[in-house]
Amino acid sequence: MRQAGSVKTGGRKKGTPNKKTCFLSKELAKNNLNVIEQLSFLFPELSDDKKADVLLKLMEYLYPKRKPIDAIVGSEDEKIIVNLTIPHNGREGLDSGK
């Protein structure tokens, strides 16, 4: 393991695509399969629960996952500790009374 602050040697250069990603992209193109087009065709046919699942899965690729944040507010005598936690599965608080 290299020490912090030392120069990176070896490995992929920044921006070099992953081999599996390249392979998958080429295979999809070779078979004329456009994932976005297929998704937009199938999406209206899904139940509301499935639509929510699809959208939550896609959000993982659009927005970074958040880590819990701890904040201490107040003076030395009086401290208020706030813990903010974003659920990893994205479903917490979305269920309608279940």
Protein backbone atom coordinates (compact mmCIF):
# COMPACT_ATOMS: atom_id res chain seq x y z
CA MET A 1 0.00 0.00 0.00
CA ARG A 2 1.37 3.38 -0.93
CA GLN A 3 1.70 6.15 1.61
CA ALA A 4 -0.60 9.15 1.53
CA GLY A 5 0.75 11.95 -0.63
CA SER A 6 3.03 9.73 -2.72
CA VAL A 7 2.78 9.60 -6.51
CA LYS A 8 0.45 7.00 -8.01
CA THR A 9 2.18 4.36 -10.10
CA GLY A 10 0.54 1.69 -12.25
CA GLY A 11 -3.17 0.97 -12.59
CA ARG A 12 -5.61 2.53 -15.01
CA LYS A 13 -5.22 6.10 -16.12
CA LYS A 14 -7.99 8.49 -15.09
CA GLY A 15 -10.99 8.16 -17.42
CA THR A 16 -10.06 4.70 -18.72
CA PRO A 17 -13.29 2.67 -18.90
CA ASN A 18 -13.71 -0.59 -17.02
CA LYS A 19 -13.25 -3.69 -19.25
CA LYS A 20 -16.60 -5.19 -18.25
CA THR A 21 -18.39 -1.91 -18.95
CA CYS A 22 -16.77 -1.69 -22.40
CA PHE A 23 -17.68 -5.30 -23.16
CA LEU A 24 -21.30 -4.79 -22.10
CA SER A 25 -21.63 -1.60 -24.15
CA LYS A 26 -20.24 -3.30 -27.25
CA GLU A 27 -22.52 -6.34 -26.83
CA LEU A 28 -25.60 -4.15 -26.39
CA ALA A 29 -24.70 -2.13 -29.49
CA LYS A 30 -23.93 -5.27 -31.51
CA ASN A 31 -27.39 -6.63 -30.68
CA ASN A 32 -29.15 -3.29 -31.34
CA LEU A 33 -30.37 -3.09 -27.75
CA ASN A 34 -30.90 0.43 -26.46
CA VAL A 35 -31.51 0.13 -22.72
CA ILE A 36 -32.98 3.64 -22.32
CA GLU A 37 -35.36 3.09 -25.23
CA GLN A 38 -36.49 -0.28 -23.83
CA LEU A 39 -36.96 1.20 -20.37
CA SER A 40 -39.07 4.08 -21.69
CA PHE A 41 -41.20 1.55 -23.62
CA LEU A 42 -41.71 -0.79 -20.63
CA PHE A 43 -41.99 1.79 -17.83
CA PRO A 44 -45.63 2.83 -18.48
CA GLU A 45 -46.70 -0.83 -18.23
CA LEU A 46 -45.26 -1.30 -14.71
CA SER A 47 -47.27 -1.17 -11.48
CA ASP A 48 -46.77 1.86 -9.26
CA ASP A 49 -44.64 -0.18 -6.83
CA LYS A 50 -42.37 -1.38 -9.64
CA LYS A 51 -42.10 2.17 -11.03
CA ALA A 52 -40.98 3.40 -7.60
CA ASP A 53 -38.41 0.57 -7.39
CA VAL A 54 -37.02 1.41 -10.84
CA LEU A 55 -36.77 5.11 -10.04
CA LEU A 56 -35.06 4.43 -6.71
CA LYS A 57 -32.53 2.13 -8.41
CA LEU A 58 -31.80 4.75 -11.08
CA MET A 59 -31.32 7.46 -8.44
CA GLU A 60 -28.27 5.55 -7.17
CA TYR A 61 -26.57 6.37 -10.48
CA LEU A 62 -27.65 10.01 -10.55
CA TYR A 63 -27.04 11.09 -6.97
CA PRO A 64 -24.18 10.10 -4.66
CA LYS A 65 -25.01 8.12 -1.54
CA ARG A 66 -24.83 10.28 1.55
CA LYS A 67 -23.05 9.30 4.73
CA PRO A 68 -24.49 10.11 8.16
CA ILE A 69 -23.65 13.63 9.31
CA ASP A 70 -23.08 14.56 12.95
CA ALA A 71 -23.29 18.21 13.96
CA ILE A 72 -22.84 19.80 17.36
CA VAL A 73 -24.69 23.08 17.81
CA GLY A 74 -24.59 25.38 20.83
CA SER A 75 -22.15 26.66 23.41
CA GLU A 76 -19.85 24.57 25.58
CA ASP A 77 -22.50 24.59 28.34
CA GLU A 78 -25.39 23.57 26.15
CA LYS A 79 -24.78 21.21 23.23
CA ILE A 80 -27.38 19.95 20.81
CA ILE A 81 -26.28 16.92 18.80
CA VAL A 82 -27.99 16.37 15.46
CA ASN A 83 -27.65 13.04 13.64
CA LEU A 84 -28.84 12.99 10.04
CA THR A 85 -29.00 9.59 8.40
CA ILE A 86 -30.03 8.93 4.82
CA PRO A 87 -31.21 5.33 4.33
CA HIS A 88 -29.12 3.24 1.95
CA ASN A 89 -32.11 1.53 0.36
CA GLY A 90 -33.91 4.82 -0.26
CA ARG A 91 -37.29 3.39 0.86
CA GLU A 92 -37.38 4.56 4.48
CA GLY A 93 -40.21 7.05 4.94
CA LEU A 94 -41.73 6.28 1.54
CA ASP A 95 -44.13 3.55 2.67
CA SER A 96 -47.68 4.83 3.11
CA GLY A 97 -48.48 3.53 6.58
CA LYS A 98 -47.35 -0.06 5.96
